PDB file of N, CA and C in Angstrom:
ATOM      1  N   UNK A   1     168.999  78.301  81.170  1.00  0.00           N
ATOM      2  CA  UNK A   1     169.723  77.095  81.437  1.00  0.00           C
ATOM      3  C   UNK A   1     168.912  75.921  80.890  1.00  0.00           C
ATOM      4  N   UNK A   2     169.518  75.115  80.123  1.00  0.00           N
ATOM      5  CA  UNK A   2     168.880  73.964  79.506  1.00  0.00           C
ATOM      6  C   UNK A   2     169.238  72.710  80.294  1.00  0.00           C
ATOM      7  N   UNK A   3     168.206  71.951  80.677  1.00  0.00           N
ATOM      8  CA  UNK A   3     168.416  70.722  81.426  1.00  0.00           C
ATOM      9  C   UNK A   3     167.891  69.565  80.595  1.00  0.00           C
ATOM     10  N   UNK A   4     168.738  68.595  80.364  1.00  0.00           N
ATOM     11  CA  UNK A   4     168.329  67.411  79.624  1.00  0.00           C
ATOM     12  C   UNK A   4     167.984  66.313  80.614  1.00  0.00           C
ATOM     13  N   UNK A   5     166.795  65.746  80.456  1.00  0.00           N
ATOM     14  CA  UNK A   5     166.332  64.690  81.350  1.00  0.00           C
ATOM     15  C   UNK A   5     166.426  63.344  80.641  1.00  0.00           C
ATOM     16  N   UNK A   6     166.624  62.289  81.388  1.00  0.00           N
ATOM     17  CA  UNK A   6     166.575  60.957  80.777  1.00  0.00           C
ATOM     18  C   UNK A   6     165.185  60.725  80.169  1.00  0.00           C
ATOM     19  N   UNK A   7     165.132  59.948  79.109  1.00  0.00           N
ATOM     20  CA  UNK A   7     163.895  59.722  78.371  1.00  0.00           C
ATOM     21  C   UNK A   7     162.758  59.194  79.250  1.00  0.00           C
ATOM     22  N   UNK A   8     162.950  58.208  80.124  1.00  0.00           N
ATOM     23  CA  UNK A   8     161.830  57.740  80.949  1.00  0.00           C
ATOM     24  C   UNK A   8     161.265  58.833  81.865  1.00  0.00           C
ATOM     25  N   UNK A   9     162.137  59.675  82.406  1.00  0.00           N
ATOM     26  CA  UNK A   9     161.692  60.749  83.277  1.00  0.00           C
ATOM     27  C   UNK A   9     160.929  61.810  82.478  1.00  0.00           C
ATOM     28  N   UNK A  10     161.396  62.113  81.293  1.00  0.00           N
ATOM     29  CA  UNK A  10     160.718  63.083  80.438  1.00  0.00           C
ATOM     30  C   UNK A  10     159.351  62.561  80.012  1.00  0.00           C
ATOM     31  N   UNK A  11     159.247  61.275  79.681  1.00  0.00           N
ATOM     32  CA  UNK A  11     157.963  60.688  79.292  1.00  0.00           C
ATOM     33  C   UNK A  11     156.994  60.662  80.473  1.00  0.00           C
ATOM     34  N   UNK A  12     157.494  60.380  81.662  1.00  0.00           N
ATOM     35  CA  UNK A  12     156.638  60.388  82.848  1.00  0.00           C
ATOM     36  C   UNK A  12     156.098  61.792  83.114  1.00  0.00           C
ATOM     37  N   UNK A  13     156.930  62.796  82.949  1.00  0.00           N
ATOM     38  CA  UNK A  13     156.494  64.180  83.113  1.00  0.00           C
ATOM     39  C   UNK A  13     155.447  64.567  82.084  1.00  0.00           C
ATOM     40  N   UNK A  14     155.653  64.149  80.832  1.00  0.00           N
ATOM     41  CA  UNK A  14     154.679  64.432  79.781  1.00  0.00           C
ATOM     42  C   UNK A  14     153.349  63.745  80.071  1.00  0.00           C
ATOM     43  N   UNK A  15     153.399  62.516  80.557  1.00  0.00           N
ATOM     44  CA  UNK A  15     152.172  61.781  80.874  1.00  0.00           C
ATOM     45  C   UNK A  15     151.411  62.472  82.016  1.00  0.00           C
ATOM     46  N   UNK A  16     152.131  62.952  83.026  1.00  0.00           N
ATOM     47  CA  UNK A  16     151.469  63.653  84.132  1.00  0.00           C
ATOM     48  C   UNK A  16     150.826  64.951  83.647  1.00  0.00           C
ATOM     49  N   UNK A  17     151.503  65.683  82.773  1.00  0.00           N
ATOM     50  CA  UNK A  17     150.926  66.905  82.224  1.00  0.00           C
ATOM     51  C   UNK A  17     149.685  66.609  81.388  1.00  0.00           C
ATOM     52  N   UNK A  18     149.737  65.562  80.566  1.00  0.00           N
ATOM     53  CA  UNK A  18     148.594  65.198  79.737  1.00  0.00           C
ATOM     54  C   UNK A  18     147.405  64.774  80.598  1.00  0.00           C
ATOM     55  N   UNK A  19     147.652  64.007  81.649  1.00  0.00           N
ATOM     56  CA  UNK A  19     146.583  63.576  82.539  1.00  0.00           C
ATOM     57  C   UNK A  19     145.972  64.775  83.272  1.00  0.00           C
ATOM     58  N   UNK A  20     146.791  65.694  83.711  1.00  0.00           N
ATOM     59  CA  UNK A  20     146.301  66.889  84.386  1.00  0.00           C
ATOM     60  C   UNK A  20     145.450  67.738  83.444  1.00  0.00           C
ATOM     61  N   UNK A  21     145.891  67.895  82.196  1.00  0.00           N
ATOM     62  CA  UNK A  21     145.128  68.654  81.208  1.00  0.00           C
ATOM     63  C   UNK A  21     143.785  67.989  80.937  1.00  0.00           C
ATOM     64  N   UNK A  22     143.781  66.665  80.776  1.00  0.00           N
ATOM     65  CA  UNK A  22     142.543  65.931  80.523  1.00  0.00           C
ATOM     66  C   UNK A  22     141.563  66.103  81.682  1.00  0.00           C
ATOM     67  N   UNK A  23     142.047  65.964  82.902  1.00  0.00           N
ATOM     68  CA  UNK A  23     141.184  66.097  84.082  1.00  0.00           C
ATOM     69  C   UNK A  23     140.618  67.511  84.184  1.00  0.00           C
ATOM     70  N   UNK A  24     141.448  68.517  83.933  1.00  0.00           N
ATOM     71  CA  UNK A  24     140.994  69.899  83.994  1.00  0.00           C
ATOM     72  C   UNK A  24     139.961  70.190  82.928  1.00  0.00           C
ATOM     73  N   UNK A  25     140.196  69.716  81.712  1.00  0.00           N
ATOM     74  CA  UNK A  25     139.228  69.931  80.637  1.00  0.00           C
ATOM     75  C   UNK A  25     137.897  69.252  80.935  1.00  0.00           C
ATOM     76  N   UNK A  26     137.940  68.032  81.424  1.00  0.00           N
ATOM     77  CA  UNK A  26     136.697  67.317  81.748  1.00  0.00           C
ATOM     78  C   UNK A  26     135.929  68.003  82.867  1.00  0.00           C
ATOM     79  N   UNK A  27     136.635  68.512  83.847  1.00  0.00           N
ATOM     80  CA  UNK A  27     135.973  69.126  84.989  1.00  0.00           C
ATOM     81  C   UNK A  27     135.418  70.503  84.662  1.00  0.00           C
ATOM     82  N   UNK A  28     136.187  71.335  83.957  1.00  0.00           N
ATOM     83  CA  UNK A  28     135.811  72.732  83.792  1.00  0.00           C
ATOM     84  C   UNK A  28     135.249  73.088  82.421  1.00  0.00           C
ATOM     85  N   UNK A  29     135.568  72.343  81.400  1.00  0.00           N
ATOM     86  CA  UNK A  29     135.087  72.682  80.068  1.00  0.00           C
ATOM     87  C   UNK A  29     133.942  71.767  79.657  1.00  0.00           C
ATOM     88  N   UNK A  30     134.148  70.475  79.741  1.00  0.00           N
ATOM     89  CA  UNK A  30     133.149  69.500  79.311  1.00  0.00           C
ATOM     90  C   UNK A  30     132.113  69.255  80.406  1.00  0.00           C
ATOM     91  N   UNK A  31     132.454  69.567  81.640  1.00  0.00           N
ATOM     92  CA  UNK A  31     131.573  69.410  82.799  1.00  0.00           C
ATOM     93  C   UNK A  31     131.130  67.965  82.997  1.00  0.00           C
ATOM     94  N   UNK A  32     132.063  67.046  82.917  1.00  0.00           N
ATOM     95  CA  UNK A  32     131.715  65.652  83.132  1.00  0.00           C
ATOM     96  C   UNK A  32     132.095  65.159  84.515  1.00  0.00           C
ATOM     97  N   UNK A  33     132.874  65.920  85.228  1.00  0.00           N
ATOM     98  CA  UNK A  33     133.329  65.475  86.539  1.00  0.00           C
ATOM     99  C   UNK A  33     132.245  65.595  87.598  1.00  0.00           C
ATOM    100  N   UNK A  34     132.380  64.852  88.672  1.00  0.00           N
ATOM    101  CA  UNK A  34     131.372  64.911  89.731  1.00  0.00           C
ATOM    102  C   UNK A  34     131.355  66.249  90.463  1.00  0.00           C
ATOM    103  N   UNK A  35     132.446  67.021  90.409  1.00  0.00           N
ATOM    104  CA  UNK A  35     132.497  68.316  91.089  1.00  0.00           C
ATOM    105  C   UNK A  35     132.106  69.468  90.179  1.00  0.00           C
ATOM    106  N   UNK A  36     131.814  69.184  88.915  1.00  0.00           N
ATOM    107  CA  UNK A  36     131.444  70.252  87.991  1.00  0.00           C
ATOM    108  C   UNK A  36     130.082  70.819  88.378  1.00  0.00           C
ATOM    109  N   UNK A  37     129.978  72.131  88.410  1.00  0.00           N
ATOM    110  CA  UNK A  37     128.715  72.781  88.756  1.00  0.00           C
ATOM    111  C   UNK A  37     127.839  72.821  87.509  1.00  0.00           C
ATOM    112  N   UNK A  38     126.648  72.263  87.624  1.00  0.00           N
ATOM    113  CA  UNK A  38     125.713  72.217  86.498  1.00  0.00           C
ATOM    114  C   UNK A  38     124.698  73.344  86.553  1.00  0.00           C
ATOM    115  N   UNK A  39     124.182  73.643  87.756  1.00  0.00           N
ATOM    116  CA  UNK A  39     123.110  74.632  87.902  1.00  0.00           C
ATOM    117  C   UNK A  39     123.393  75.501  89.114  1.00  0.00           C
ATOM    118  N   UNK A  40     123.181  76.798  88.959  1.00  0.00           N
ATOM    119  CA  UNK A  40     123.253  77.746  90.067  1.00  0.00           C
ATOM    120  C   UNK A  40     121.896  78.421  90.217  1.00  0.00           C
ATOM    121  N   UNK A  41     121.390  78.468  91.429  1.00  0.00           N
ATOM    122  CA  UNK A  41     120.134  79.163  91.702  1.00  0.00           C
ATOM    123  C   UNK A  41     120.385  80.122  92.852  1.00  0.00           C
ATOM    124  N   UNK A  42     120.176  81.420  92.585  1.00  0.00           N
ATOM    125  CA  UNK A  42     120.359  82.431  93.611  1.00  0.00           C
ATOM    126  C   UNK A  42     119.041  82.591  94.352  1.00  0.00           C
ATOM    127  N   UNK A  43     119.027  82.266  95.629  1.00  0.00           N
ATOM    128  CA  UNK A  43     117.826  82.339  96.463  1.00  0.00           C
ATOM    129  C   UNK A  43     117.553  83.786  96.874  1.00  0.00           C
ATOM    130  N   UNK A  44     116.298  84.138  97.157  1.00  0.00           N
ATOM    131  CA  UNK A  44     115.980  85.494  97.619  1.00  0.00           C
ATOM    132  C   UNK A  44     116.726  85.870  98.906  1.00  0.00           C
ATOM    133  N   UNK A  45     117.105  84.877  99.701  1.00  0.00           N
ATOM    134  CA  UNK A  45     117.842  85.148 100.940  1.00  0.00           C
ATOM    135  C   UNK A  45     119.287  85.565 100.678  1.00  0.00           C
ATOM    136  N   UNK A  46     119.748  85.427  99.436  1.00  0.00           N
ATOM    137  CA  UNK A  46     121.127  85.764  99.103  1.00  0.00           C
ATOM    138  C   UNK A  46     122.039  84.560  99.034  1.00  0.00           C
ATOM    139  N   UNK A  47     121.547  83.397  99.434  1.00  0.00           N
ATOM    140  CA  UNK A  47     122.339  82.164  99.366  1.00  0.00           C
ATOM    141  C   UNK A  47     122.203  81.568  97.974  1.00  0.00           C
ATOM    142  N   UNK A  48     123.160  80.737  97.618  1.00  0.00           N
ATOM    143  CA  UNK A  48     123.184  80.115  96.299  1.00  0.00           C
ATOM    144  C   UNK A  48     123.081  78.609  96.467  1.00  0.00           C
ATOM    145  N   UNK A  49     122.264  77.985  95.628  1.00  0.00           N
ATOM    146  CA  UNK A  49     122.177  76.538  95.564  1.00  0.00           C
ATOM    147  C   UNK A  49     122.960  76.114  94.323  1.00  0.00           C
ATOM    148  N   UNK A  50     124.026  75.342  94.525  1.00  0.00           N
ATOM    149  CA  UNK A  50     124.862  74.852  93.423  1.00  0.00           C
ATOM    150  C   UNK A  50     124.639  73.354  93.293  1.00  0.00           C
ATOM    151  N   UNK A  51     124.211  72.924  92.121  1.00  0.00           N
ATOM    152  CA  UNK A  51     123.993  71.507  91.854  1.00  0.00           C
ATOM    153  C   UNK A  51     125.197  70.985  91.080  1.00  0.00           C
ATOM    154  N   UNK A  52     125.852  69.926  91.591  1.00  0.00           N
ATOM    155  CA  UNK A  52     127.063  69.422  90.958  1.00  0.00           C
ATOM    156  C   UNK A  52     126.757  68.303  89.957  1.00  0.00           C
ATOM    157  N   UNK A  53     127.798  67.715  89.403  1.00  0.00           N
ATOM    158  CA  UNK A  53     127.669  66.689  88.385  1.00  0.00           C
ATOM    159  C   UNK A  53     126.996  65.424  88.859  1.00  0.00           C
ATOM    160  N   UNK A  54     126.961  65.179  90.155  1.00  0.00           N
ATOM    161  CA  UNK A  54     126.283  64.004  90.708  1.00  0.00           C
ATOM    162  C   UNK A  54     124.835  64.292  91.069  1.00  0.00           C
ATOM    163  N   UNK A  55     124.388  65.540  90.868  1.00  0.00           N
ATOM    164  CA  UNK A  55     123.029  65.910  91.215  1.00  0.00           C
ATOM    165  C   UNK A  55     122.853  66.329  92.661  1.00  0.00           C
ATOM    166  N   UNK A  56     123.939  66.432  93.395  1.00  0.00           N
ATOM    167  CA  UNK A  56     123.882  66.837  94.798  1.00  0.00           C
ATOM    168  C   UNK A  56     123.820  68.365  94.861  1.00  0.00           C
ATOM    169  N   UNK A  57     122.896  68.862  95.657  1.00  0.00           N
ATOM    170  CA  UNK A  57     122.764  70.305  95.816  1.00  0.00           C
ATOM    171  C   UNK A  57     123.546  70.769  97.035  1.00  0.00           C
ATOM    172  N   UNK A  58     124.344  71.794  96.832  1.00  0.00           N
ATOM    173  CA  UNK A  58     125.151  72.381  97.899  1.00  0.00           C
ATOM    174  C   UNK A  58     124.647  73.800  98.139  1.00  0.00           C
ATOM    175  N   UNK A  59     124.390  74.133  99.386  1.00  0.00           N
ATOM    176  CA  UNK A  59     124.018  75.497  99.722  1.00  0.00           C
ATOM    177  C   UNK A  59     125.309  76.266  99.974  1.00  0.00           C
ATOM    178  N   UNK A  60     125.446  77.419  99.338  1.00  0.00           N
ATOM    179  CA  UNK A  60     126.716  78.136  99.383  1.00  0.00           C
ATOM    180  C   UNK A  60     126.505  79.634  99.536  1.00  0.00           C
ATOM    181  N   UNK A  61     127.595  80.308  99.870  1.00  0.00           N
ATOM    182  CA  UNK A  61     127.639  81.765  99.894  1.00  0.00           C
ATOM    183  C   UNK A  61     128.773  82.213  98.978  1.00  0.00           C
ATOM    184  N   UNK A  62     128.697  83.440  98.555  1.00  0.00           N
ATOM    185  CA  UNK A  62     129.730  84.005  97.688  1.00  0.00           C
ATOM    186  C   UNK A  62     130.921  84.402  98.547  1.00  0.00           C
ATOM    187  N   UNK A  63     132.108  83.962  98.146  1.00  0.00           N
ATOM    188  CA  UNK A  63     133.325  84.301  98.879  1.00  0.00           C
ATOM    189  C   UNK A  63     133.732  85.744  98.600  1.00  0.00           C
ATOM    190  N   UNK A  64     134.513  86.299  99.501  1.00  0.00           N
ATOM    191  CA  UNK A  64     134.947  87.695  99.363  1.00  0.00           C
ATOM    192  C   UNK A  64     135.901  87.916  98.205  1.00  0.00           C
ATOM    193  N   UNK A  65     136.575  86.863  97.748  1.00  0.00           N
ATOM    194  CA  UNK A  65     137.556  87.032  96.672  1.00  0.00           C
ATOM    195  C   UNK A  65     136.956  86.829  95.282  1.00  0.00           C
ATOM    196  N   UNK A  66     135.650  86.972  95.147  1.00  0.00           N
ATOM    197  CA  UNK A  66     135.003  86.903  93.839  1.00  0.00           C
ATOM    198  C   UNK A  66     135.404  88.121  93.023  1.00  0.00           C
ATOM    199  N   UNK A  67     135.711  87.893  91.736  1.00  0.00           N
ATOM    200  CA  UNK A  67     136.186  88.946  90.850  1.00  0.00           C
ATOM    201  C   UNK A  67     135.111  89.257  89.813  1.00  0.00           C
ATOM    202  N   UNK A  68     134.740  90.533  89.691  1.00  0.00           N
ATOM    203  CA  UNK A  68     133.712  90.945  88.735  1.00  0.00           C
ATOM    204  C   UNK A  68     134.324  91.951  87.768  1.00  0.00           C
ATOM    205  N   UNK A  69     134.189  91.670  86.481  1.00  0.00           N
ATOM    206  CA  UNK A  69     134.699  92.526  85.411  1.00  0.00           C
ATOM    207  C   UNK A  69     133.719  92.432  84.256  1.00  0.00           C
ATOM    208  N   UNK A  70     133.612  93.449  83.412  1.00  0.00           N
ATOM    209  CA  UNK A  70     132.675  93.362  82.285  1.00  0.00           C
ATOM    210  C   UNK A  70     132.939  92.187  81.335  1.00  0.00           C
ATOM    211  N   UNK A  71     134.174  91.717  81.249  1.00  0.00           N
ATOM    212  CA  UNK A  71     134.483  90.620  80.335  1.00  0.00           C
ATOM    213  C   UNK A  71     134.405  89.250  80.982  1.00  0.00           C
ATOM    214  N   UNK A  72     134.532  89.186  82.322  1.00  0.00           N
ATOM    215  CA  UNK A  72     134.535  87.885  82.991  1.00  0.00           C
ATOM    216  C   UNK A  72     134.167  88.042  84.460  1.00  0.00           C
ATOM    217  N   UNK A  73     133.615  86.968  84.998  1.00  0.00           N
ATOM    218  CA  UNK A  73     133.323  86.881  86.428  1.00  0.00           C
ATOM    219  C   UNK A  73     133.980  85.617  86.944  1.00  0.00           C
ATOM    220  N   UNK A  74     134.773  85.749  87.994  1.00  0.00           N
ATOM    221  CA  UNK A  74     135.329  84.586  88.681  1.00  0.00           C
ATOM    222  C   UNK A  74     134.547  84.467  89.977  1.00  0.00           C
ATOM    223  N   UNK A  75     133.607  83.528  89.988  1.00  0.00           N
ATOM    224  CA  UNK A  75     132.683  83.367  91.103  1.00  0.00           C
ATOM    225  C   UNK A  75     133.204  82.277  92.028  1.00  0.00           C
ATOM    226  N   UNK A  76     133.609  82.676  93.219  1.00  0.00           N
ATOM    227  CA  UNK A  76     134.091  81.733  94.233  1.00  0.00           C
ATOM    228  C   UNK A  76     132.983  81.498  95.246  1.00  0.00           C
ATOM    229  N   UNK A  77     132.614  80.237  95.422  1.00  0.00           N
ATOM    230  CA  UNK A  77     131.548  79.862  96.338  1.00  0.00           C
ATOM    231  C   UNK A  77     132.104  79.012  97.464  1.00  0.00           C
ATOM    232  N   UNK A  78     131.626  79.252  98.669  1.00  0.00           N
ATOM    233  CA  UNK A  78     131.994  78.448  99.829  1.00  0.00           C
ATOM    234  C   UNK A  78     130.723  77.754 100.305  1.00  0.00           C
ATOM    235  N   UNK A  79     130.736  76.426 100.281  1.00  0.00           N
ATOM    236  CA  UNK A  79     129.567  75.647 100.683  1.00  0.00           C
ATOM    237  C   UNK A  79     129.535  75.482 102.196  1.00  0.00           C
ATOM    238  N   UNK A  80     128.364  75.078 102.688  1.00  0.00           N
ATOM    239  CA  UNK A  80     128.199  74.878 104.129  1.00  0.00           C
ATOM    240  C   UNK A  80     129.118  73.784 104.666  1.00  0.00           C
ATOM    241  N   UNK A  81     129.436  72.795 103.831  1.00  0.00           N
ATOM    242  CA  UNK A  81     130.319  71.712 104.273  1.00  0.00           C
ATOM    243  C   UNK A  81     131.794  72.030 104.032  1.00  0.00           C
ATOM    244  N   UNK A  82     132.111  73.316 103.825  1.00  0.00           N
ATOM    245  CA  UNK A  82     133.475  73.835 103.659  1.00  0.00           C
ATOM    246  C   UNK A  82     134.114  73.511 102.311  1.00  0.00           C
ATOM    247  N   UNK A  83     133.379  72.870 101.407  1.00  0.00           N
ATOM    248  CA  UNK A  83     133.926  72.678 100.069  1.00  0.00           C
ATOM    249  C   UNK A  83     133.830  73.996  99.314  1.00  0.00           C
ATOM    250  N   UNK A  84     134.662  74.130  98.300  1.00  0.00           N
ATOM    251  CA  UNK A  84     134.696  75.367  97.520  1.00  0.00           C
ATOM    252  C   UNK A  84     134.506  75.054  96.047  1.00  0.00           C
ATOM    253  N   UNK A  85     133.819  75.939  95.370  1.00  0.00           N
ATOM    254  CA  UNK A  85     133.645  75.865  93.933  1.00  0.00           C
ATOM    255  C   UNK A  85     134.116  77.185  93.336  1.00  0.00           C
ATOM    256  N   UNK A  86     134.766  77.113  92.205  1.00  0.00           N
ATOM    257  CA  UNK A  86     135.142  78.309  91.470  1.00  0.00           C
ATOM    258  C   UNK A  86     134.585  78.197  90.065  1.00  0.00           C
ATOM    259  N   UNK A  87     133.848  79.208  89.647  1.00  0.00           N
ATOM    260  CA  UNK A  87     133.271  79.246  88.304  1.00  0.00           C
ATOM    261  C   UNK A  87     133.811  80.465  87.577  1.00  0.00           C
ATOM    262  N   UNK A  88     134.216  80.270  86.344  1.00  0.00           N
ATOM    263  CA  UNK A  88     134.644  81.376  85.501  1.00  0.00           C
ATOM    264  C   UNK A  88     133.586  81.550  84.432  1.00  0.00           C
ATOM    265  N   UNK A  89     132.927  82.697  84.444  1.00  0.00           N
ATOM    266  CA  UNK A  89     131.885  82.997  83.469  1.00  0.00           C
ATOM    267  C   UNK A  89     132.382  84.096  82.543  1.00  0.00           C
ATOM    268  N   UNK A  90     132.556  83.767  81.284  1.00  0.00           N
ATOM    269  CA  UNK A  90     132.976  84.760  80.305  1.00  0.00           C
ATOM    270  C   UNK A  90     131.751  85.488  79.771  1.00  0.00           C
ATOM    271  N   UNK A  91     131.983  86.622  79.143  1.00  0.00           N
ATOM    272  CA  UNK A  91     130.878  87.459  78.673  1.00  0.00           C
ATOM    273  C   UNK A  91     129.973  86.733  77.689  1.00  0.00           C
ATOM    274  N   UNK A  92     130.508  85.797  76.913  1.00  0.00           N
ATOM    275  CA  UNK A  92     129.689  85.102  75.917  1.00  0.00           C
ATOM    276  C   UNK A  92     129.221  83.724  76.378  1.00  0.00           C
ATOM    277  N   UNK A  93     129.427  83.378  77.657  1.00  0.00           N
ATOM    278  CA  UNK A  93     129.042  82.051  78.126  1.00  0.00           C
ATOM    279  C   UNK A  93     127.644  82.017  78.741  1.00  0.00           C
ATOM    280  N   UNK A  94     127.080  83.176  79.012  1.00  0.00           N
ATOM    281  CA  UNK A  94     125.760  83.280  79.629  1.00  0.00           C
ATOM    282  C   UNK A  94     124.992  84.354  78.873  1.00  0.00           C
ATOM    283  N   UNK A  95     123.664  84.260  78.899  1.00  0.00           N
ATOM    284  CA  UNK A  95     122.856  85.294  78.269  1.00  0.00           C
ATOM    285  C   UNK A  95     123.189  86.655  78.871  1.00  0.00           C
ATOM    286  N   UNK A  96     123.139  87.675  78.040  1.00  0.00           N
ATOM    287  CA  UNK A  96     123.546  89.016  78.455  1.00  0.00           C
ATOM    288  C   UNK A  96     122.748  89.526  79.645  1.00  0.00           C
ATOM    289  N   UNK A  97     121.440  89.336  79.643  1.00  0.00           N
ATOM    290  CA  UNK A  97     120.604  89.831  80.739  1.00  0.00           C
ATOM    291  C   UNK A  97     120.930  89.111  82.052  1.00  0.00           C
ATOM    292  N   UNK A  98     121.178  87.814  81.980  1.00  0.00           N
ATOM    293  CA  UNK A  98     121.509  87.036  83.179  1.00  0.00           C
ATOM    294  C   UNK A  98     122.855  87.475  83.736  1.00  0.00           C
ATOM    295  N   UNK A  99     123.828  87.663  82.863  1.00  0.00           N
ATOM    296  CA  UNK A  99     125.152  88.100  83.297  1.00  0.00           C
ATOM    297  C   UNK A  99     125.108  89.501  83.902  1.00  0.00           C
ATOM    298  N   UNK A 100     124.314  90.370  83.306  1.00  0.00           N
ATOM    299  CA  UNK A 100     124.169  91.728  83.835  1.00  0.00           C
ATOM    300  C   UNK A 100     123.549  91.702  85.237  1.00  0.00           C
ATOM    301  N   UNK A 101     122.515  90.877  85.424  1.00  0.00           N
ATOM    302  CA  UNK A 101     121.878  90.756  86.733  1.00  0.00           C
ATOM    303  C   UNK A 101     122.850  90.170  87.768  1.00  0.00           C
ATOM    304  N   UNK A 102     123.649  89.184  87.362  1.00  0.00           N
ATOM    305  CA  UNK A 102     124.633  88.596  88.266  1.00  0.00           C
ATOM    306  C   UNK A 102     125.679  89.620  88.677  1.00  0.00           C
ATOM    307  N   UNK A 103     126.173  90.403  87.709  1.00  0.00           N
ATOM    308  CA  UNK A 103     127.144  91.459  88.035  1.00  0.00           C
ATOM    309  C   UNK A 103     126.551  92.455  89.027  1.00  0.00           C
ATOM    310  N   UNK A 104     125.297  92.839  88.779  1.00  0.00           N
ATOM    311  CA  UNK A 104     124.635  93.803  89.661  1.00  0.00           C
ATOM    312  C   UNK A 104     124.519  93.239  91.083  1.00  0.00           C
ATOM    313  N   UNK A 105     124.090  91.987  91.207  1.00  0.00           N
ATOM    314  CA  UNK A 105     123.945  91.382  92.530  1.00  0.00           C
ATOM    315  C   UNK A 105     125.289  91.264  93.247  1.00  0.00           C
ATOM    316  N   UNK A 106     126.328  90.882  92.515  1.00  0.00           N
ATOM    317  CA  UNK A 106     127.643  90.737  93.134  1.00  0.00           C
ATOM    318  C   UNK A 106     128.203  92.081  93.588  1.00  0.00           C
ATOM    319  N   UNK A 107     127.968  93.127  92.815  1.00  0.00           N
ATOM    320  CA  UNK A 107     128.436  94.453  93.231  1.00  0.00           C
ATOM    321  C   UNK A 107     127.682  94.949  94.453  1.00  0.00           C
ATOM    322  N   UNK A 108     126.356  94.719  94.486  1.00  0.00           N
ATOM    323  CA  UNK A 108     125.583  95.095  95.665  1.00  0.00           C
ATOM    324  C   UNK A 108     126.032  94.300  96.882  1.00  0.00           C
ATOM    325  N   UNK A 109     126.311  93.026  96.686  1.00  0.00           N
ATOM    326  CA  UNK A 109     126.780  92.177  97.782  1.00  0.00           C
ATOM    327  C   UNK A 109     128.125  92.664  98.312  1.00  0.00           C
ATOM    328  N   UNK A 110     129.008  93.108  97.413  1.00  0.00           N
ATOM    329  CA  UNK A 110     130.322  93.605  97.828  1.00  0.00           C
ATOM    330  C   UNK A 110     130.192  94.891  98.645  1.00  0.00           C
ATOM    331  N   UNK A 111     129.154  95.671  98.361  1.00  0.00           N
ATOM    332  CA  UNK A 111     128.926  96.914  99.109  1.00  0.00           C
ATOM    333  C   UNK A 111     128.158  96.680 100.399  1.00  0.00           C
ATOM    334  N   UNK A 112     127.703  95.468 100.612  1.00  0.00           N
ATOM    335  CA  UNK A 112     126.949  95.152 101.826  1.00  0.00           C
ATOM    336  C   UNK A 112     125.491  95.512 101.727  1.00  0.00           C
ATOM    337  N   UNK A 113     124.988  95.753 100.501  1.00  0.00           N
ATOM    338  CA  UNK A 113     123.591  96.113 100.314  1.00  0.00           C
ATOM    339  C   UNK A 113     122.771  94.860 100.032  1.00  0.00           C
ATOM    340  N   UNK A 114     121.479  94.968 100.217  1.00  0.00           N
ATOM    341  CA  UNK A 114     120.581  93.857  99.916  1.00  0.00           C
ATOM    342  C   UNK A 114     119.909  94.100  98.587  1.00  0.00           C
ATOM    343  N   UNK A 115     119.331  93.069  98.044  1.00  0.00           N
ATOM    344  CA  UNK A 115     118.644  93.162  96.763  1.00  0.00           C
ATOM    345  C   UNK A 115     117.362  92.345  96.852  1.00  0.00           C
ATOM    346  N   UNK A 116     116.451  92.593  95.916  1.00  0.00           N
ATOM    347  CA  UNK A 116     115.169  91.897  95.956  1.00  0.00           C
ATOM    348  C   UNK A 116     114.967  90.961  94.844  1.00  0.00           C
TER     349      UNK A 116
END
């Protein structure tokens, strides 16, 4: 079914889509937004320190809905202040050894095992 919209309404919709795309690209690709995660440090205790675009460090844990695959990792973090971060790490976005270690830790965490 084809719906024709009046020109002002169509332009407003296009502007909203363009603004949403720009905001998403800045936050997740260019990492310029204040909520963009710049640094992740996995502590020996199993907790993660996530430093955002403003330099604020958030202590977080890995959420249960984290997805691990050889081609990509969707890392969902829940901070102590109830904020959430989602990071998508592709196979070529991180050094191979670091990505392999992260996959190993996440799989051990999913099984309820500890790591050193």
